[in-house]
């Protein structure tokens, strides 16, 4: 049996805020995990910890630039293009692949 809970306008706003906060928290955790993956990948390739730390120190600046472009939904394309132009090949995101098919 499923129970239906009817919320007034205030209750809906509270629930939307809680869901939004939970999603944002999870997104932050995903970002942190991604940093773990690339930092460990760099160490596994033999880069010295000092170099890995330098890269980590630049993360916020790069993220800021990404967010500037992302306001127009171009962040992924911007980053992938910058990587490609530097000689680093990475996969397109599923959103980019979907956009190409249209």
Protein backbone atom coordinates (compact mmCIF):
# COMPACT_ATOMS: atom_id res chain seq x y z
CA UNK A 1 0.00 0.00 0.00
CA UNK A 2 1.33 3.41 -0.94
CA UNK A 3 0.56 6.43 1.17
CA UNK A 4 -0.01 9.77 -0.45
CA UNK A 5 1.14 12.78 1.46
CA UNK A 6 -0.32 16.07 0.38
CA UNK A 7 1.95 19.02 1.00
CA UNK A 8 0.97 22.64 1.11
CA UNK A 9 3.02 25.20 -0.85
CA UNK A 10 5.43 25.74 2.05
CA UNK A 11 5.94 21.99 2.47
CA UNK A 12 6.69 21.62 -1.23
CA UNK A 13 9.29 24.38 -1.07
CA UNK A 14 10.94 22.73 1.95
CA UNK A 15 11.06 19.36 0.17
CA UNK A 16 12.42 20.91 -3.04
CA UNK A 17 15.14 22.63 -1.03
CA UNK A 18 16.08 19.40 0.73
CA UNK A 19 16.23 17.51 -2.55
CA UNK A 20 18.30 20.28 -4.14
CA UNK A 21 20.72 20.28 -1.17
CA UNK A 22 21.05 16.49 -1.34
CA UNK A 23 21.76 16.60 -5.09
CA UNK A 24 24.35 19.36 -4.69
CA UNK A 25 26.06 17.44 -1.90
CA UNK A 26 26.22 14.33 -4.09
CA UNK A 27 27.59 16.35 -7.02
CA UNK A 28 30.33 17.73 -4.77
CA UNK A 29 31.19 14.19 -3.67
CA UNK A 30 31.34 13.02 -7.29
CA UNK A 31 33.74 15.87 -8.08
CA UNK A 32 35.92 14.94 -5.12
CA UNK A 33 35.99 11.29 -6.17
CA UNK A 34 36.99 12.33 -9.70
CA UNK A 35 39.89 14.29 -8.20
CA UNK A 36 40.96 11.16 -6.32
CA UNK A 37 40.92 9.16 -9.57
CA UNK A 38 43.03 11.59 -11.61
CA UNK A 39 45.46 12.25 -8.75
CA UNK A 40 46.04 8.53 -8.23
CA UNK A 41 46.29 8.01 -12.00
CA UNK A 42 49.03 10.63 -12.15
CA UNK A 43 50.90 8.99 -9.30
CA UNK A 44 50.51 5.56 -10.95
CA UNK A 45 52.09 7.01 -14.11
CA UNK A 46 55.13 7.99 -12.11
CA UNK A 47 54.53 11.71 -11.71
CA UNK A 48 56.01 13.00 -8.46
CA UNK A 49 53.59 13.91 -5.65
CA UNK A 50 54.76 17.52 -5.86
CA UNK A 51 53.58 17.72 -9.49
CA UNK A 52 50.26 16.11 -8.58
CA UNK A 53 49.84 18.69 -5.83
CA UNK A 54 50.55 21.52 -8.28
CA UNK A 55 47.82 20.17 -10.55
CA UNK A 56 45.46 19.89 -7.59
CA UNK A 57 46.22 23.47 -6.63
CA UNK A 58 45.04 24.64 -10.08
CA UNK A 59 41.76 22.77 -9.87
CA UNK A 60 39.65 25.63 -8.53
CA UNK A 61 40.84 28.03 -11.25
CA UNK A 62 40.05 25.51 -13.98
CA UNK A 63 36.68 24.76 -12.40
CA UNK A 64 35.89 28.48 -12.37
CA UNK A 65 36.64 28.75 -16.07
CA UNK A 66 34.50 25.69 -16.75
CA UNK A 67 31.60 27.24 -14.83
CA UNK A 68 31.87 30.43 -16.90
CA UNK A 69 31.36 28.44 -20.09
CA UNK A 70 28.83 26.11 -18.53
CA UNK A 71 26.38 28.98 -18.05
CA UNK A 72 25.84 28.67 -21.81
CA UNK A 73 26.07 24.85 -21.63
CA UNK A 74 29.50 24.91 -23.29
CA UNK A 75 31.70 23.83 -20.38
CA UNK A 76 32.29 20.26 -21.52
CA UNK A 77 33.01 21.31 -25.09
CA UNK A 78 35.41 24.01 -23.87
CA UNK A 79 37.38 21.59 -21.69
CA UNK A 80 37.48 18.79 -24.23
CA UNK A 81 38.61 21.24 -26.94
CA UNK A 82 41.37 22.63 -24.71
CA UNK A 83 42.55 19.09 -23.94
CA UNK A 84 42.40 18.07 -27.61
CA UNK A 85 44.33 21.17 -28.69
CA UNK A 86 46.99 20.27 -26.11
CA UNK A 87 47.31 16.74 -27.51
CA UNK A 88 45.21 14.94 -24.89
CA UNK A 89 42.39 12.84 -26.28
CA UNK A 90 39.39 12.26 -24.01
CA UNK A 91 35.89 10.93 -24.63
CA UNK A 92 32.98 13.26 -25.19
CA UNK A 93 30.30 13.31 -22.53
CA UNK A 94 27.00 11.59 -23.26
CA UNK A 95 25.40 15.05 -23.52
CA UNK A 96 27.94 16.08 -26.18
CA UNK A 97 27.40 12.85 -28.13
CA UNK A 98 23.64 13.39 -28.00
CA UNK A 99 24.05 16.97 -29.24
CA UNK A 100 26.17 15.79 -32.22
CA UNK A 101 23.41 13.39 -33.33
CA UNK A 102 20.82 16.17 -33.56
